[in-house]
Amino acid sequence: MNVQTSDHRGGSCRTNRIEARPIARLRHKDDGRVIGLVYEWNTGETQTAWFGKAERSFVTEELC
């Protein structure tokens, strides 16, 4: 699994990552298959987990 992290809070993180929840699916733009997930940590950071190589062109499907 290929993982990338982004801090959307705009500052350094002082809280430890304890728990993450999936907030979106990443779907292949052409055929719609799920190619990854976006997780949000208790710190507010998001982390993208790709099922294989990271794609440049994809559609984000938010989870309820």
PDB file of N, CA and C in Angstrom:
ATOM      1  N   MET A   1       0.846  -1.167   0.000  1.00  0.00           N
ATOM      2  CA  MET A   1       0.000   0.000   0.000  1.00  0.00           C
ATOM      3  C   MET A   1       0.895   1.235   0.000  1.00  0.00           C
ATOM      4  N   ASN A   2       0.608   2.185  -0.848  1.00  0.00           N
ATOM      5  CA  ASN A   2       1.339   3.443  -0.963  1.00  0.00           C
ATOM      6  C   ASN A   2       0.603   4.492  -0.134  1.00  0.00           C
ATOM      7  N   VAL A   3       1.287   5.139   0.815  1.00  0.00           N
ATOM      8  CA  VAL A   3       0.621   6.052   1.742  1.00  0.00           C
ATOM      9  C   VAL A   3       1.231   7.443   1.664  1.00  0.00           C
ATOM     10  N   GLN A   4       0.386   8.476   1.612  1.00  0.00           N
ATOM     11  CA  GLN A   4       0.816   9.874   1.610  1.00  0.00           C
ATOM     12  C   GLN A   4       0.019  10.613   2.672  1.00  0.00           C
ATOM     13  N   THR A   5       0.685  11.509   3.418  1.00  0.00           N
ATOM     14  CA  THR A   5       0.033  12.229   4.511  1.00  0.00           C
ATOM     15  C   THR A   5       0.050  13.725   4.264  1.00  0.00           C
ATOM     16  N   SER A   6      -1.056  14.390   4.619  1.00  0.00           N
ATOM     17  CA  SER A   6      -1.149  15.847   4.527  1.00  0.00           C
ATOM     18  C   SER A   6      -1.751  16.389   5.809  1.00  0.00           C
ATOM     19  N   ASP A   7      -1.181  17.482   6.325  1.00  0.00           N
ATOM     20  CA  ASP A   7      -1.716  18.137   7.519  1.00  0.00           C
ATOM     21  C   ASP A   7      -2.580  19.292   7.055  1.00  0.00           C
ATOM     22  N   HIS A   8      -3.894  19.151   7.201  1.00  0.00           N
ATOM     23  CA  HIS A   8      -4.818  20.191   6.745  1.00  0.00           C
ATOM     24  C   HIS A   8      -5.131  21.207   7.831  1.00  0.00           C
ATOM     25  N   ARG A   9      -4.433  21.129   8.956  1.00  0.00           N
ATOM     26  CA  ARG A   9      -4.661  22.085  10.027  1.00  0.00           C
ATOM     27  C   ARG A   9      -3.744  23.286   9.891  1.00  0.00           C
ATOM     28  N   GLY A  10      -2.725  23.193   9.040  1.00  0.00           N
ATOM     29  CA  GLY A  10      -1.866  24.333   8.784  1.00  0.00           C
ATOM     30  C   GLY A  10      -0.727  24.524   9.763  1.00  0.00           C
ATOM     31  N   GLY A  11      -0.560  23.667  10.733  1.00  0.00           N
ATOM     32  CA  GLY A  11       0.518  23.821  11.697  1.00  0.00           C
ATOM     33  C   GLY A  11       1.118  22.485  12.051  1.00  0.00           C
ATOM     34  N   SER A  12       2.113  22.523  12.917  1.00  0.00           N
ATOM     35  CA  SER A  12       2.721  21.270  13.336  1.00  0.00           C
ATOM     36  C   SER A  12       1.766  20.531  14.266  1.00  0.00           C
ATOM     37  N   CYS A  13       1.844  19.255  14.225  1.00  0.00           N
ATOM     38  CA  CYS A  13       0.921  18.417  14.986  1.00  0.00           C
ATOM     39  C   CYS A  13       1.528  18.065  16.336  1.00  0.00           C
ATOM     40  N   ARG A  14       0.840  18.416  17.407  1.00  0.00           N
ATOM     41  CA  ARG A  14       1.324  18.102  18.750  1.00  0.00           C
ATOM     42  C   ARG A  14       0.584  16.926  19.356  1.00  0.00           C
ATOM     43  N   THR A  15      -0.533  16.544  18.777  1.00  0.00           N
ATOM     44  CA  THR A  15      -1.315  15.417  19.266  1.00  0.00           C
ATOM     45  C   THR A  15      -0.835  14.152  18.567  1.00  0.00           C
ATOM     46  N   ASN A  16      -0.735  13.078  19.310  1.00  0.00           N
ATOM     47  CA  ASN A  16      -0.335  11.804  18.720  1.00  0.00           C
ATOM     48  C   ASN A  16      -1.461  11.230  17.883  1.00  0.00           C
ATOM     49  N   ARG A  17      -1.086  10.605  16.789  1.00  0.00           N
ATOM     50  CA  ARG A  17      -2.068   9.877  15.990  1.00  0.00           C
ATOM     51  C   ARG A  17      -2.470   8.630  16.755  1.00  0.00           C
ATOM     52  N   ILE A  18      -3.747   8.516  17.016  1.00  0.00           N
ATOM     53  CA  ILE A  18      -4.250   7.359  17.747  1.00  0.00           C
ATOM     54  C   ILE A  18      -5.232   6.572  16.892  1.00  0.00           C
ATOM     55  N   GLU A  19      -6.107   7.286  16.191  1.00  0.00           N
ATOM     56  CA  GLU A  19      -7.173   6.627  15.453  1.00  0.00           C
ATOM     57  C   GLU A  19      -7.426   7.363  14.144  1.00  0.00           C
ATOM     58  N   ALA A  20      -7.700   6.588  13.095  1.00  0.00           N
ATOM     59  CA  ALA A  20      -8.053   7.169  11.797  1.00  0.00           C
ATOM     60  C   ALA A  20      -9.343   6.530  11.314  1.00  0.00           C
ATOM     61  N   ARG A  21     -10.102   7.314  10.545  1.00  0.00           N
ATOM     62  CA  ARG A  21     -11.343   6.779   9.975  1.00  0.00           C
ATOM     63  C   ARG A  21     -11.365   7.106   8.487  1.00  0.00           C
ATOM     64  N   PRO A  22     -11.911   6.205   7.661  1.00  0.00           N
ATOM     65  CA  PRO A  22     -11.999   6.488   6.233  1.00  0.00           C
ATOM     66  C   PRO A  22     -13.033   7.580   5.976  1.00  0.00           C
ATOM     67  N   ILE A  23     -12.676   8.547   5.144  1.00  0.00           N
ATOM     68  CA  ILE A  23     -13.607   9.632   4.832  1.00  0.00           C
ATOM     69  C   ILE A  23     -13.936   9.718   3.343  1.00  0.00           C
ATOM     70  N   ALA A  24     -13.171   9.008   2.494  1.00  0.00           N
ATOM     71  CA  ALA A  24     -13.447   9.061   1.055  1.00  0.00           C
ATOM     72  C   ALA A  24     -12.826   7.867   0.335  1.00  0.00           C
ATOM     73  N   ARG A  25     -13.462   7.483  -0.771  1.00  0.00           N
ATOM     74  CA  ARG A  25     -12.902   6.487  -1.692  1.00  0.00           C
ATOM     75  C   ARG A  25     -12.270   7.236  -2.853  1.00  0.00           C
ATOM     76  N   LEU A  26     -11.200   6.695  -3.382  1.00  0.00           N
ATOM     77  CA  LEU A  26     -10.581   7.230  -4.588  1.00  0.00           C
ATOM     78  C   LEU A  26     -10.874   6.249  -5.713  1.00  0.00           C
ATOM     79  N   ARG A  27     -11.539   6.737  -6.757  1.00  0.00           N
ATOM     80  CA  ARG A  27     -11.929   5.872  -7.875  1.00  0.00           C
ATOM     81  C   ARG A  27     -11.165   6.259  -9.135  1.00  0.00           C
ATOM     82  N   HIS A  28     -10.822   5.238  -9.917  1.00  0.00           N
ATOM     83  CA  HIS A  28     -10.149   5.448 -11.197  1.00  0.00           C
ATOM     84  C   HIS A  28     -11.067   6.273 -12.087  1.00  0.00           C
ATOM     85  N   LYS A  29     -10.520   7.282 -12.711  1.00  0.00           N
ATOM     86  CA  LYS A  29     -11.329   8.211 -13.513  1.00  0.00           C
ATOM     87  C   LYS A  29     -12.008   7.526 -14.699  1.00  0.00           C
ATOM     88  N   ASP A  30     -11.337   6.550 -15.307  1.00  0.00           N
ATOM     89  CA  ASP A  30     -11.874   5.927 -16.513  1.00  0.00           C
ATOM     90  C   ASP A  30     -12.843   4.772 -16.248  1.00  0.00           C
ATOM     91  N   ASP A  31     -12.489   3.872 -15.328  1.00  0.00           N
ATOM     92  CA  ASP A  31     -13.332   2.685 -15.157  1.00  0.00           C
ATOM     93  C   ASP A  31     -14.066   2.604 -13.815  1.00  0.00           C
ATOM     94  N   GLY A  32     -13.848   3.557 -12.915  1.00  0.00           N
ATOM     95  CA  GLY A  32     -14.604   3.630 -11.672  1.00  0.00           C
ATOM     96  C   GLY A  32     -14.184   2.687 -10.562  1.00  0.00           C
ATOM     97  N   ARG A  33     -13.143   1.878 -10.802  1.00  0.00           N
ATOM     98  CA  ARG A  33     -12.738   0.952  -9.737  1.00  0.00           C
ATOM     99  C   ARG A  33     -12.097   1.709  -8.582  1.00  0.00           C
ATOM    100  N   VAL A  34     -12.240   1.176  -7.379  1.00  0.00           N
ATOM    101  CA  VAL A  34     -11.660   1.809  -6.192  1.00  0.00           C
ATOM    102  C   VAL A  34     -10.154   1.568  -6.215  1.00  0.00           C
ATOM    103  N   ILE A  35      -9.379   2.661  -6.159  1.00  0.00           N
ATOM    104  CA  ILE A  35      -7.920   2.562  -6.218  1.00  0.00           C
ATOM    105  C   ILE A  35      -7.248   3.061  -4.941  1.00  0.00           C
ATOM    106  N   GLY A  36      -8.053   3.512  -3.980  1.00  0.00           N
ATOM    107  CA  GLY A  36      -7.484   3.969  -2.712  1.00  0.00           C
ATOM    108  C   GLY A  36      -8.546   4.532  -1.791  1.00  0.00           C
ATOM    109  N   LEU A  37      -8.097   4.922  -0.603  1.00  0.00           N
ATOM    110  CA  LEU A  37      -8.971   5.519   0.405  1.00  0.00           C
ATOM    111  C   LEU A  37      -8.278   6.722   1.020  1.00  0.00           C
ATOM    112  N   VAL A  38      -9.069   7.658   1.525  1.00  0.00           N
ATOM    113  CA  VAL A  38      -8.542   8.794   2.281  1.00  0.00           C
ATOM    114  C   VAL A  38      -8.996   8.612   3.721  1.00  0.00           C
ATOM    115  N   TYR A  39      -8.043   8.705   4.638  1.00  0.00           N
ATOM    116  CA  TYR A  39      -8.332   8.578   6.068  1.00  0.00           C
ATOM    117  C   TYR A  39      -8.101   9.911   6.755  1.00  0.00           C
ATOM    118  N   GLU A  40      -8.875  10.182   7.808  1.00  0.00           N
ATOM    119  CA  GLU A  40      -8.659  11.358   8.641  1.00  0.00           C
ATOM    120  C   GLU A  40      -8.278  10.886  10.038  1.00  0.00           C
ATOM    121  N   TRP A  41      -7.129  11.364  10.518  1.00  0.00           N
ATOM    122  CA  TRP A  41      -6.637  11.026  11.850  1.00  0.00           C
ATOM    123  C   TRP A  41      -7.296  11.907  12.901  1.00  0.00           C
ATOM    124  N   ASN A  42      -7.215  11.483  14.144  1.00  0.00           N
ATOM    125  CA  ASN A  42      -7.731  12.272  15.268  1.00  0.00           C
ATOM    126  C   ASN A  42      -7.025  13.623  15.371  1.00  0.00           C
ATOM    127  N   THR A  43      -5.892  13.783  14.719  1.00  0.00           N
ATOM    128  CA  THR A  43      -5.131  15.036  14.736  1.00  0.00           C
ATOM    129  C   THR A  43      -5.624  16.034  13.695  1.00  0.00           C
ATOM    130  N   GLY A  44      -6.515  15.597  12.791  1.00  0.00           N
ATOM    131  CA  GLY A  44      -6.980  16.453  11.708  1.00  0.00           C
ATOM    132  C   GLY A  44      -6.221  16.222  10.417  1.00  0.00           C
ATOM    133  N   GLU A  45      -5.121  15.487  10.475  1.00  0.00           N
ATOM    134  CA  GLU A  45      -4.357  15.172   9.271  1.00  0.00           C
ATOM    135  C   GLU A  45      -5.133  14.180   8.417  1.00  0.00           C
ATOM    136  N   THR A  46      -4.918  14.257   7.108  1.00  0.00           N
ATOM    137  CA  THR A  46      -5.489  13.251   6.224  1.00  0.00           C
ATOM    138  C   THR A  46      -4.358  12.417   5.654  1.00  0.00           C
ATOM    139  N   GLN A  47      -4.686  11.168   5.338  1.00  0.00           N
ATOM    140  CA  GLN A  47      -3.701  10.251   4.795  1.00  0.00           C
ATOM    141  C   GLN A  47      -4.347   9.480   3.659  1.00  0.00           C
ATOM    142  N   THR A  48      -3.680   9.482   2.521  1.00  0.00           N
ATOM    143  CA  THR A  48      -4.157   8.767   1.345  1.00  0.00           C
ATOM    144  C   THR A  48      -3.475   7.411   1.288  1.00  0.00           C
ATOM    145  N   ALA A  49      -4.258   6.368   1.162  1.00  0.00           N
ATOM    146  CA  ALA A  49      -3.729   5.012   1.044  1.00  0.00           C
ATOM    147  C   ALA A  49      -4.136   4.468  -0.323  1.00  0.00           C
ATOM    148  N   TRP A  50      -3.150   4.288  -1.190  1.00  0.00           N
ATOM    149  CA  TRP A  50      -3.398   3.788  -2.540  1.00  0.00           C
ATOM    150  C   TRP A  50      -3.285   2.277  -2.554  1.00  0.00           C
ATOM    151  N   PHE A  51      -4.109   1.619  -3.344  1.00  0.00           N
ATOM    152  CA  PHE A  51      -4.009   0.174  -3.548  1.00  0.00           C
ATOM    153  C   PHE A  51      -3.087  -0.049  -4.744  1.00  0.00           C
ATOM    154  N   GLY A  52      -1.804   0.124  -4.533  1.00  0.00           N
ATOM    155  CA  GLY A  52      -0.820   0.032  -5.604  1.00  0.00           C
ATOM    156  C   GLY A  52      -0.202   1.393  -5.855  1.00  0.00           C
ATOM    157  N   LYS A  53       0.152   1.662  -7.105  1.00  0.00           N
ATOM    158  CA  LYS A  53       0.803   2.913  -7.484  1.00  0.00           C
ATOM    159  C   LYS A  53      -0.170   4.093  -7.381  1.00  0.00           C
ATOM    160  N   ALA A  54       0.315   5.221  -6.863  1.00  0.00           N
ATOM    161  CA  ALA A  54      -0.514   6.433  -6.772  1.00  0.00           C
ATOM    162  C   ALA A  54      -0.894   6.908  -8.172  1.00  0.00           C
ATOM    163  N   GLU A  55      -2.128   7.295  -8.339  1.00  0.00           N
ATOM    164  CA  GLU A  55      -2.636   7.793  -9.620  1.00  0.00           C
ATOM    165  C   GLU A  55      -2.723   9.314  -9.585  1.00  0.00           C
ATOM    166  N   ARG A  56      -2.565   9.943 -10.739  1.00  0.00           N
ATOM    167  CA  ARG A  56      -2.680  11.403 -10.833  1.00  0.00           C
ATOM    168  C   ARG A  56      -4.105  11.840 -11.150  1.00  0.00           C
ATOM    169  N   SER A  57      -4.825  10.997 -11.842  1.00  0.00           N
ATOM    170  CA  SER A  57      -6.179  11.345 -12.257  1.00  0.00           C
ATOM    171  C   SER A  57      -7.167  10.378 -11.603  1.00  0.00           C
ATOM    172  N   PHE A  58      -8.000  10.914 -10.711  1.00  0.00           N
ATOM    173  CA  PHE A  58      -8.956  10.081  -9.996  1.00  0.00           C
ATOM    174  C   PHE A  58     -10.150  10.921  -9.571  1.00  0.00           C
ATOM    175  N   VAL A  59     -11.200  10.246  -9.139  1.00  0.00           N
ATOM    176  CA  VAL A  59     -12.412  10.893  -8.648  1.00  0.00           C
ATOM    177  C   VAL A  59     -12.534  10.569  -7.160  1.00  0.00           C
ATOM    178  N   THR A  60     -12.833  11.585  -6.354  1.00  0.00           N
ATOM    179  CA  THR A  60     -13.006  11.394  -4.915  1.00  0.00           C
ATOM    180  C   THR A  60     -14.488  11.229  -4.598  1.00  0.00           C
ATOM    181  N   GLU A  61     -14.814  10.160  -3.894  1.00  0.00           N
ATOM    182  CA  GLU A  61     -16.191   9.873  -3.490  1.00  0.00           C
ATOM    183  C   GLU A  61     -16.248   9.927  -1.961  1.00  0.00           C
ATOM    184  N   GLU A  62     -16.865  10.965  -1.418  1.00  0.00           N
ATOM    185  CA  GLU A  62     -16.948  11.111   0.039  1.00  0.00           C
ATOM    186  C   GLU A  62     -17.840  10.033   0.632  1.00  0.00           C
ATOM    187  N   LEU A  63     -17.456   9.548   1.804  1.00  0.00           N
ATOM    188  CA  LEU A  63     -18.258   8.565   2.528  1.00  0.00           C
ATOM    189  C   LEU A  63     -19.172   9.289   3.499  1.00  0.00           C
ATOM    190  N   CYS A  64     -20.343   8.733   3.731  1.00  0.00           N
ATOM    191  CA  CYS A  64     -21.305   9.346   4.666  1.00  0.00           C
ATOM    192  C   CYS A  64     -20.969   9.017   6.094  1.00  0.00           C
TER     193      CYS A  64
END
